[in-house]
């Protein structure tokens, strides 16, 4: 998701998959499939229904459940807009009321600093108590796990995302070799790799050798 968000200065989106344990109330997100946008800008995007259906099939074909959707807020905080809440409610209804469905928002180009982990938020919407027609977002606690991390699979999926990103309109497509617009001393690739390293630092099972392997793999993809 972080890589996909870094490929464009406009909003990007996709579906997320994995497993839900109703006993422990724990959702494990293991898969992300990017979707094509019907319309996209720095503050708005609409998911193509055909692309959405294909992404859903891919997630199901790999044995995962659809757990929700993802989109980026390129240069502003990962706080949901009213349109985001409306879309979240629509996706929740599409997946089914008795099934878990989350929305993930990530901000790749935060003004709070260049060399930081991309901030993100995981949420659902539900009716507020005593307010029949008012839906509000509820934020989830997220923990990054890495006990079964398959770096080869991860980088393979990253190549797929970069291939699809080549179809992004040129005006919003990110050239990872170019200077990062919020800090001219680094490239877009440096900015992304910094985020990857900081996210991986939160994964206790990823040692330095594995971290270097993953970040070098991502760098090779960005500079390809």
Protein backbone atom coordinates (compact mmCIF):
# COMPACT_ATOMS: atom_id res chain seq x y z
CA UNK A 1 0.00 0.00 0.00
CA UNK A 2 2.83 2.39 0.86
CA UNK A 3 4.54 1.73 -2.48
CA UNK A 4 1.32 2.20 -4.45
CA UNK A 5 0.65 5.48 -2.65
CA UNK A 6 4.17 6.70 -3.52
CA UNK A 7 3.69 6.04 -7.25
CA UNK A 8 1.30 8.96 -7.75
CA UNK A 9 0.72 12.51 -6.56
CA UNK A 10 -3.00 11.83 -7.08
CA UNK A 11 -5.07 9.52 -4.90
CA UNK A 12 -4.76 5.78 -5.52
CA UNK A 13 -6.91 2.96 -4.20
CA UNK A 14 -7.38 -0.80 -3.98
CA UNK A 15 -8.84 -3.71 -2.03
CA UNK A 16 -7.31 -5.46 0.97
CA UNK A 17 -7.62 -9.12 1.91
CA UNK A 18 -6.70 -11.52 4.67
CA UNK A 19 -8.42 -13.28 7.55
CA UNK A 20 -10.83 -12.40 10.35
CA UNK A 21 -10.91 -14.31 13.64
CA UNK A 22 -14.34 -13.74 15.24
CA UNK A 23 -13.24 -15.30 18.54
CA UNK A 24 -10.19 -13.10 19.14
CA UNK A 25 -11.68 -10.16 17.21
CA UNK A 26 -8.41 -9.86 15.31
CA UNK A 27 -8.21 -9.00 11.62
CA UNK A 28 -5.01 -9.97 9.80
CA UNK A 29 -4.37 -8.06 6.56
CA UNK A 30 -2.11 -10.07 4.24
CA UNK A 31 -2.95 -8.98 0.69
CA UNK A 32 -3.38 -5.76 -1.23
CA UNK A 33 -4.58 -5.48 -4.83
CA UNK A 34 -4.54 -2.05 -6.52
CA UNK A 35 -7.60 -0.96 -8.47
CA UNK A 36 -8.01 1.43 -11.37
CA UNK A 37 -9.64 4.78 -10.71
CA UNK A 38 -12.47 6.21 -12.79
CA UNK A 39 -11.42 9.67 -11.66
CA UNK A 40 -8.54 10.73 -9.47
CA UNK A 41 -7.04 13.95 -8.15
CA UNK A 42 -4.97 14.98 -5.16
CA UNK A 43 -8.12 15.02 -3.01
CA UNK A 44 -10.57 12.61 -4.64
CA UNK A 45 -10.84 9.23 -6.35
CA UNK A 46 -13.56 6.82 -7.51
CA UNK A 47 -12.94 3.09 -7.90
CA UNK A 48 -13.65 1.47 -11.26
CA UNK A 49 -16.31 -1.24 -10.63
CA UNK A 50 -14.79 -3.59 -13.21
CA UNK A 51 -11.34 -3.25 -11.66
CA UNK A 52 -12.90 -3.70 -8.21
CA UNK A 53 -14.56 -6.97 -9.28
CA UNK A 54 -11.29 -8.29 -10.75
CA UNK A 55 -9.38 -7.38 -7.58
CA UNK A 56 -12.00 -9.15 -5.46
CA UNK A 57 -11.63 -12.29 -7.60
CA UNK A 58 -7.84 -12.21 -7.21
CA UNK A 59 -8.14 -11.99 -3.42
CA UNK A 60 -10.66 -14.86 -3.29
CA UNK A 61 -8.56 -16.98 -5.69
CA UNK A 62 -5.64 -16.78 -3.25
CA UNK A 63 -7.85 -18.07 -0.44
CA UNK A 64 -8.27 -14.76 1.37
CA UNK A 65 -11.37 -12.87 2.44
CA UNK A 66 -12.02 -9.30 1.33
CA UNK A 67 -11.47 -7.16 4.41
CA UNK A 68 -11.97 -3.67 3.02
CA UNK A 69 -10.39 -1.00 0.87
CA UNK A 70 -7.41 1.33 0.80
CA UNK A 71 -6.80 4.79 -0.59
CA UNK A 72 -4.14 7.45 -0.23
CA UNK A 73 -4.23 11.07 0.85
CA UNK A 74 -1.13 12.22 -1.07
CA UNK A 75 -0.20 15.39 0.79
CA UNK A 76 -2.66 15.66 3.66
CA UNK A 77 -3.33 13.78 6.89
CA UNK A 78 -4.91 10.30 6.76
CA UNK A 79 -8.13 11.58 8.30
CA UNK A 80 -11.38 10.56 6.56
CA UNK A 81 -13.40 13.13 4.65
CA UNK A 82 -17.17 12.92 4.43
CA UNK A 83 -16.80 11.31 1.01
CA UNK A 84 -14.42 8.75 2.54
CA UNK A 85 -17.04 7.91 5.17
CA UNK A 86 -19.70 7.55 2.46
CA UNK A 87 -17.42 5.25 0.44
CA UNK A 88 -16.54 3.24 3.54
CA UNK A 89 -20.24 2.70 4.26
CA UNK A 90 -20.80 1.62 0.64
CA UNK A 91 -17.95 -0.91 0.80
CA UNK A 92 -19.21 -2.22 4.16
CA UNK A 93 -22.62 -2.80 2.58
CA UNK A 94 -20.99 -4.45 -0.47
CA UNK A 95 -19.01 -6.89 1.68
CA UNK A 96 -21.96 -7.59 4.00
CA UNK A 97 -23.16 -6.30 7.34
CA UNK A 98 -22.11 -9.44 9.21
CA UNK A 99 -18.57 -9.35 7.85
CA UNK A 100 -15.73 -7.08 9.00
CA UNK A 101 -14.72 -4.29 6.65
CA UNK A 102 -12.08 -1.65 7.27
CA UNK A 103 -10.82 1.36 5.41
CA UNK A 104 -7.10 2.12 5.36
CA UNK A 105 -5.88 5.64 4.57
CA UNK A 106 -2.18 6.44 4.11
CA UNK A 107 -0.40 9.73 3.49
CA UNK A 108 2.84 9.22 1.49
CA UNK A 109 3.92 12.85 1.13
CA UNK A 110 3.25 14.24 4.58
CA UNK A 111 4.29 17.82 5.25
CA UNK A 112 5.37 16.79 8.77
CA UNK A 113 8.74 15.61 7.47
CA UNK A 114 10.42 13.88 4.55
CA UNK A 115 12.24 11.02 6.26
CA UNK A 116 9.35 9.60 8.28
CA UNK A 117 7.18 6.50 8.12
CA UNK A 118 4.08 7.22 6.06
CA UNK A 119 1.29 7.88 8.57
CA UNK A 120 -1.83 5.76 8.15
CA UNK A 121 -5.19 5.10 9.75
CA UNK A 122 -7.41 2.02 9.87
CA UNK A 123 -11.12 2.60 10.50
CA UNK A 124 -14.76 1.59 10.17
CA UNK A 125 -17.90 3.71 10.27
CA UNK A 126 -20.92 3.04 12.43
CA UNK A 127 -23.94 4.90 13.71
CA UNK A 128 -23.26 7.05 16.72
CA UNK A 129 -25.20 6.11 19.83
CA UNK A 130 -28.42 8.16 20.11
CA UNK A 131 -27.84 9.69 16.66
CA UNK A 132 -29.93 7.62 14.25
CA UNK A 133 -28.70 9.13 10.98
CA UNK A 134 -25.16 10.09 11.94
CA UNK A 135 -22.27 7.83 10.96
CA UNK A 136 -18.88 8.39 12.55
CA UNK A 137 -15.42 6.83 12.04
CA UNK A 138 -13.86 4.55 14.65
CA UNK A 139 -10.09 4.15 14.66
CA UNK A 140 -8.47 0.73 15.13
CA UNK A 141 -5.24 -0.17 16.87
CA UNK A 142 -2.80 -1.65 14.32
CA UNK A 143 0.19 -3.91 14.95
CA UNK A 144 2.73 -4.77 12.25
CA UNK A 145 3.61 -8.48 12.29
CA UNK A 146 6.40 -10.22 10.40
CA UNK A 147 6.69 -13.77 11.74
CA UNK A 148 5.74 -15.26 8.35
CA UNK A 149 7.06 -12.49 6.11
CA UNK A 150 7.90 -13.79 2.63
CA UNK A 151 10.21 -11.14 1.18
CA UNK A 152 10.29 -12.82 -2.25
CA UNK A 153 6.48 -12.73 -2.46
CA UNK A 154 6.43 -9.15 -1.13
CA UNK A 155 8.85 -7.89 -3.77
CA UNK A 156 7.05 -9.84 -6.48
CA UNK A 157 3.83 -8.03 -5.63
CA UNK A 158 5.75 -4.75 -5.60
CA UNK A 159 6.86 -5.37 -9.20
CA UNK A 160 3.21 -5.90 -10.15
CA UNK A 161 2.24 -2.60 -8.54
CA UNK A 162 4.99 -0.73 -10.38
CA UNK A 163 3.90 -2.31 -13.66
CA UNK A 164 0.33 -1.10 -13.11
CA UNK A 165 1.64 2.31 -12.04
CA UNK A 166 3.16 2.73 -15.50
CA UNK A 167 -0.40 3.31 -16.73
CA UNK A 168 -0.92 6.25 -14.37
CA UNK A 169 -1.36 9.60 -16.22
CA UNK A 170 2.03 11.22 -16.67
CA UNK A 171 1.03 14.44 -14.89
CA UNK A 172 0.55 12.57 -11.61
CA UNK A 173 3.02 9.69 -12.09
CA UNK A 174 6.01 9.80 -9.73
CA UNK A 175 9.52 9.47 -11.14
CA UNK A 176 11.38 7.91 -8.22
CA UNK A 177 14.71 9.18 -9.56
CA UNK A 178 13.66 12.83 -9.28
CA UNK A 179 14.19 15.12 -6.29
CA UNK A 180 11.44 14.92 -3.69
CA UNK A 181 9.38 18.11 -3.85
CA UNK A 182 9.33 18.63 -0.05
CA UNK A 183 13.08 18.05 0.33
CA UNK A 184 15.26 18.60 -2.74
CA UNK A 185 18.24 16.89 -1.07
CA UNK A 186 16.65 13.43 -1.48
CA UNK A 187 14.84 11.57 -4.25
CA UNK A 188 11.32 10.16 -4.20
CA UNK A 189 12.96 6.74 -3.88
CA UNK A 190 14.91 7.89 -0.80
CA UNK A 191 11.66 9.17 0.69
CA UNK A 192 9.89 5.84 0.10
CA UNK A 193 12.79 3.68 1.33
CA UNK A 194 12.95 5.76 4.52
CA UNK A 195 9.30 4.97 5.17
CA UNK A 196 9.86 1.25 4.50
CA UNK A 197 12.80 1.12 6.92
CA UNK A 198 10.82 2.80 9.68
CA UNK A 199 7.86 0.49 9.24
CA UNK A 200 10.16 -2.55 9.22
CA UNK A 201 11.83 -1.30 12.40
CA UNK A 202 8.52 -1.96 14.17
CA UNK A 203 8.66 -5.63 13.13
CA UNK A 204 10.63 -7.48 15.80
CA UNK A 205 11.19 -10.57 13.63
CA UNK A 206 12.91 -8.70 10.79
CA UNK A 207 16.68 -8.60 11.34
CA UNK A 208 19.08 -6.16 9.66
CA UNK A 209 20.02 -8.62 6.90
CA UNK A 210 16.38 -9.18 5.96
CA UNK A 211 15.63 -5.46 6.22
CA UNK A 212 18.53 -4.62 3.90
CA UNK A 213 17.37 -7.29 1.44
CA UNK A 214 13.85 -5.87 1.35
CA UNK A 215 14.87 -2.22 1.09
CA UNK A 216 17.44 -2.97 -1.63
CA UNK A 217 14.77 -4.91 -3.50
CA UNK A 218 12.38 -1.97 -3.30
CA UNK A 219 15.15 0.42 -4.40
CA UNK A 220 15.88 -1.75 -7.44
CA UNK A 221 12.18 -1.67 -8.33
CA UNK A 222 11.95 2.11 -7.92
CA UNK A 223 15.02 2.74 -10.08
CA UNK A 224 14.10 0.19 -12.76
